Amino acid sequence: MTGVASFVIIADADADLLARVGATLNLLNVMPRAFHLEARAEGTAAVRASIDCADAQAELVARKLWRLTAVRDVTLEYRDGS
């Protein structure tokens, strides 16, 4: 059963952040419903993505996002599709 995983990633605003986060989200093999990247004045960036997937897949991707260089925080909210 699938639902919608919403990820919020806070990281250092490095030039390759988009590529690293995108490559990790690509493990789900599904195009995101929504994707937003915002650079902040204090040198960090916030990435928000909503993707259709199973709960276990979302948890796995959240753990992989935590392992990326310069990631400071990862928040996952999951809504069941039923």
N, C-alpha and C. Protein backbone atom coordinates (compact mmCIF):
# COMPACT_ATOMS: atom_id res chain seq x y z
N MET A 1 0.85 -1.17 0.00
CA MET A 1 0.00 0.00 0.00
C MET A 1 0.89 1.24 0.00
N THR A 2 0.51 2.24 -0.75
CA THR A 2 1.32 3.45 -0.81
C THR A 2 0.56 4.64 -0.24
N GLY A 3 1.34 5.62 0.11
CA GLY A 3 0.83 6.88 0.60
C GLY A 3 1.73 7.98 0.08
N VAL A 4 1.74 9.10 0.79
CA VAL A 4 2.58 10.23 0.39
C VAL A 4 3.58 10.52 1.49
N ALA A 5 4.86 10.51 1.11
CA ALA A 5 5.93 10.85 2.03
C ALA A 5 6.32 12.30 1.78
N SER A 6 6.38 13.08 2.84
CA SER A 6 6.82 14.47 2.74
C SER A 6 8.12 14.61 3.52
N PHE A 7 9.17 14.96 2.80
CA PHE A 7 10.50 15.12 3.38
C PHE A 7 10.83 16.60 3.50
N VAL A 8 11.42 16.99 4.62
CA VAL A 8 12.00 18.32 4.78
C VAL A 8 13.45 18.11 5.19
N ILE A 9 14.36 18.61 4.36
CA ILE A 9 15.78 18.43 4.60
C ILE A 9 16.41 19.80 4.81
N ILE A 10 17.13 19.97 5.91
CA ILE A 10 17.87 21.19 6.18
C ILE A 10 19.35 20.83 6.07
N ALA A 11 20.08 21.60 5.26
CA ALA A 11 21.49 21.28 5.02
C ALA A 11 22.27 22.55 4.74
N ASP A 12 23.60 22.42 4.78
CA ASP A 12 24.45 23.52 4.35
C ASP A 12 24.16 23.79 2.88
N ALA A 13 24.17 25.04 2.49
CA ALA A 13 23.84 25.43 1.11
C ALA A 13 25.03 25.23 0.19
N ASP A 14 25.41 23.98 -0.01
CA ASP A 14 26.51 23.64 -0.91
C ASP A 14 26.01 23.59 -2.34
N ALA A 15 26.90 23.83 -3.29
CA ALA A 15 26.53 23.87 -4.70
C ALA A 15 25.95 22.55 -5.21
N ASP A 16 26.36 21.42 -4.63
CA ASP A 16 25.88 20.13 -5.11
C ASP A 16 24.73 19.54 -4.29
N LEU A 17 24.14 20.34 -3.42
CA LEU A 17 23.05 19.85 -2.57
C LEU A 17 21.89 19.30 -3.39
N LEU A 18 21.47 20.02 -4.40
CA LEU A 18 20.34 19.59 -5.23
C LEU A 18 20.63 18.22 -5.86
N ALA A 19 21.82 18.04 -6.38
CA ALA A 19 22.19 16.77 -7.02
C ALA A 19 22.22 15.62 -6.01
N ARG A 20 22.78 15.86 -4.82
CA ARG A 20 22.88 14.79 -3.82
C ARG A 20 21.51 14.38 -3.30
N VAL A 21 20.66 15.38 -2.99
CA VAL A 21 19.31 15.07 -2.51
C VAL A 21 18.50 14.41 -3.62
N GLY A 22 18.60 14.95 -4.83
CA GLY A 22 17.87 14.37 -5.96
C GLY A 22 18.25 12.93 -6.23
N ALA A 23 19.53 12.62 -6.16
CA ALA A 23 20.00 11.25 -6.39
C ALA A 23 19.44 10.30 -5.33
N THR A 24 19.35 10.76 -4.10
CA THR A 24 18.82 9.92 -3.03
C THR A 24 17.32 9.70 -3.21
N LEU A 25 16.58 10.77 -3.53
CA LEU A 25 15.15 10.63 -3.75
C LEU A 25 14.86 9.76 -4.97
N ASN A 26 15.77 9.75 -5.93
CA ASN A 26 15.60 8.95 -7.14
C ASN A 26 15.57 7.45 -6.84
N LEU A 27 16.06 7.04 -5.67
CA LEU A 27 15.99 5.63 -5.29
C LEU A 27 14.55 5.12 -5.25
N LEU A 28 13.59 6.03 -5.06
CA LEU A 28 12.17 5.65 -5.05
C LEU A 28 11.64 5.39 -6.45
N ASN A 29 12.36 5.85 -7.46
CA ASN A 29 11.99 5.65 -8.86
C ASN A 29 10.60 6.20 -9.19
N VAL A 30 10.25 7.31 -8.54
CA VAL A 30 8.96 7.98 -8.76
C VAL A 30 9.22 9.48 -8.79
N MET A 31 8.61 10.16 -9.73
CA MET A 31 8.75 11.61 -9.78
C MET A 31 8.02 12.25 -8.60
N PRO A 32 8.65 13.20 -7.91
CA PRO A 32 7.98 13.86 -6.78
C PRO A 32 6.71 14.60 -7.21
N ARG A 33 5.72 14.62 -6.33
CA ARG A 33 4.53 15.44 -6.54
C ARG A 33 4.91 16.92 -6.47
N ALA A 34 5.80 17.21 -5.55
CA ALA A 34 6.26 18.59 -5.35
C ALA A 34 7.70 18.56 -4.89
N PHE A 35 8.46 19.59 -5.30
CA PHE A 35 9.86 19.71 -4.90
C PHE A 35 10.19 21.19 -4.82
N HIS A 36 10.77 21.60 -3.69
CA HIS A 36 11.09 23.01 -3.50
C HIS A 36 12.42 23.12 -2.77
N LEU A 37 13.31 23.96 -3.30
CA LEU A 37 14.60 24.21 -2.66
C LEU A 37 14.68 25.71 -2.38
N GLU A 38 15.04 26.05 -1.16
CA GLU A 38 15.13 27.46 -0.76
C GLU A 38 16.46 27.70 -0.04
N ALA A 39 17.26 28.61 -0.58
CA ALA A 39 18.50 29.02 0.10
C ALA A 39 18.16 30.04 1.17
N ARG A 40 18.81 29.92 2.30
CA ARG A 40 18.55 30.83 3.42
C ARG A 40 19.77 31.69 3.68
N ALA A 41 19.53 32.83 4.27
CA ALA A 41 20.60 33.82 4.49
C ALA A 41 21.72 33.30 5.39
N GLU A 42 21.42 32.42 6.32
CA GLU A 42 22.43 31.94 7.27
C GLU A 42 23.33 30.85 6.70
N GLY A 43 23.26 30.63 5.37
CA GLY A 43 24.15 29.65 4.75
C GLY A 43 23.59 28.24 4.71
N THR A 44 22.31 28.09 4.99
CA THR A 44 21.68 26.78 4.91
C THR A 44 20.65 26.80 3.78
N ALA A 45 20.14 25.63 3.50
CA ALA A 45 19.09 25.50 2.50
C ALA A 45 18.04 24.52 3.03
N ALA A 46 16.80 24.74 2.62
CA ALA A 46 15.71 23.83 2.97
C ALA A 46 15.19 23.20 1.68
N VAL A 47 15.06 21.90 1.70
CA VAL A 47 14.50 21.17 0.56
C VAL A 47 13.24 20.48 1.06
N ARG A 48 12.15 20.67 0.31
CA ARG A 48 10.89 20.00 0.63
C ARG A 48 10.47 19.17 -0.57
N ALA A 49 10.11 17.93 -0.34
CA ALA A 49 9.69 17.05 -1.42
C ALA A 49 8.56 16.16 -0.94
N SER A 50 7.56 15.98 -1.78
CA SER A 50 6.46 15.05 -1.51
C SER A 50 6.44 14.00 -2.61
N ILE A 51 6.43 12.73 -2.20
CA ILE A 51 6.57 11.63 -3.15
C ILE A 51 5.63 10.49 -2.76
N ASP A 52 4.98 9.88 -3.76
CA ASP A 52 4.16 8.69 -3.53
C ASP A 52 5.07 7.49 -3.35
N CYS A 53 4.90 6.79 -2.22
CA CYS A 53 5.70 5.59 -1.97
C CYS A 53 5.14 4.86 -0.76
N ALA A 54 5.70 3.70 -0.48
CA ALA A 54 5.33 2.93 0.70
C ALA A 54 6.06 3.50 1.93
N ASP A 55 5.49 3.26 3.09
CA ASP A 55 6.06 3.76 4.34
C ASP A 55 7.49 3.25 4.55
N ALA A 56 7.72 1.97 4.31
CA ALA A 56 9.06 1.40 4.50
C ALA A 56 10.08 2.04 3.56
N GLN A 57 9.67 2.32 2.33
CA GLN A 57 10.56 2.99 1.38
C GLN A 57 10.90 4.40 1.87
N ALA A 58 9.92 5.10 2.37
CA ALA A 58 10.14 6.46 2.87
C ALA A 58 11.13 6.46 4.03
N GLU A 59 11.00 5.51 4.94
CA GLU A 59 11.91 5.41 6.08
C GLU A 59 13.34 5.14 5.61
N LEU A 60 13.49 4.26 4.63
CA LEU A 60 14.81 3.94 4.09
C LEU A 60 15.46 5.18 3.46
N VAL A 61 14.69 5.91 2.67
CA VAL A 61 15.23 7.11 2.01
C VAL A 61 15.57 8.18 3.06
N ALA A 62 14.74 8.33 4.09
CA ALA A 62 15.04 9.30 5.14
C ALA A 62 16.37 8.98 5.81
N ARG A 63 16.62 7.70 6.08
CA ARG A 63 17.91 7.31 6.68
C ARG A 63 19.07 7.61 5.75
N LYS A 64 18.89 7.39 4.45
CA LYS A 64 19.95 7.69 3.48
C LYS A 64 20.18 9.20 3.37
N LEU A 65 19.13 9.99 3.45
CA LEU A 65 19.27 11.45 3.42
C LEU A 65 20.09 11.94 4.62
N TRP A 66 19.87 11.34 5.79
CA TRP A 66 20.63 11.70 6.99
C TRP A 66 22.12 11.50 6.80
N ARG A 67 22.50 10.53 5.98
CA ARG A 67 23.92 10.20 5.78
C ARG A 67 24.63 11.13 4.81
N LEU A 68 23.88 11.97 4.10
CA LEU A 68 24.51 12.86 3.14
C LEU A 68 25.37 13.91 3.84
N THR A 69 26.45 14.27 3.19
CA THR A 69 27.35 15.30 3.71
C THR A 69 26.60 16.61 3.87
N ALA A 70 26.81 17.29 4.97
CA ALA A 70 26.27 18.63 5.27
C ALA A 70 24.79 18.66 5.63
N VAL A 71 24.12 17.51 5.71
CA VAL A 71 22.71 17.50 6.13
C VAL A 71 22.65 17.70 7.63
N ARG A 72 21.82 18.65 8.04
CA ARG A 72 21.68 18.97 9.47
C ARG A 72 20.42 18.36 10.09
N ASP A 73 19.36 18.20 9.28
CA ASP A 73 18.11 17.66 9.80
C ASP A 73 17.29 17.07 8.66
N VAL A 74 16.59 15.99 8.96
CA VAL A 74 15.64 15.38 8.02
C VAL A 74 14.37 15.09 8.79
N THR A 75 13.26 15.58 8.27
CA THR A 75 11.96 15.31 8.86
C THR A 75 11.13 14.57 7.83
N LEU A 76 10.47 13.51 8.26
CA LEU A 76 9.60 12.73 7.39
C LEU A 76 8.20 12.69 7.99
N GLU A 77 7.22 13.06 7.17
CA GLU A 77 5.81 12.88 7.53
C GLU A 77 5.21 11.98 6.48
N TYR A 78 4.47 10.98 6.93
CA TYR A 78 3.88 10.01 6.00
C TYR A 78 2.38 9.98 6.18
N ARG A 79 1.66 10.09 5.07
CA ARG A 79 0.19 9.97 5.08
C ARG A 79 -0.20 8.76 4.27
N ASP A 80 -0.94 7.89 4.89
CA ASP A 80 -1.40 6.67 4.22
C ASP A 80 -2.38 7.05 3.11
N GLY A 81 -2.32 6.31 2.01
CA GLY A 81 -3.15 6.61 0.85
C GLY A 81 -4.59 6.16 0.98
N SER A 82 -4.93 5.38 1.98
CA SER A 82 -6.31 4.88 2.09
C SER A 82 -7.22 5.84 2.80
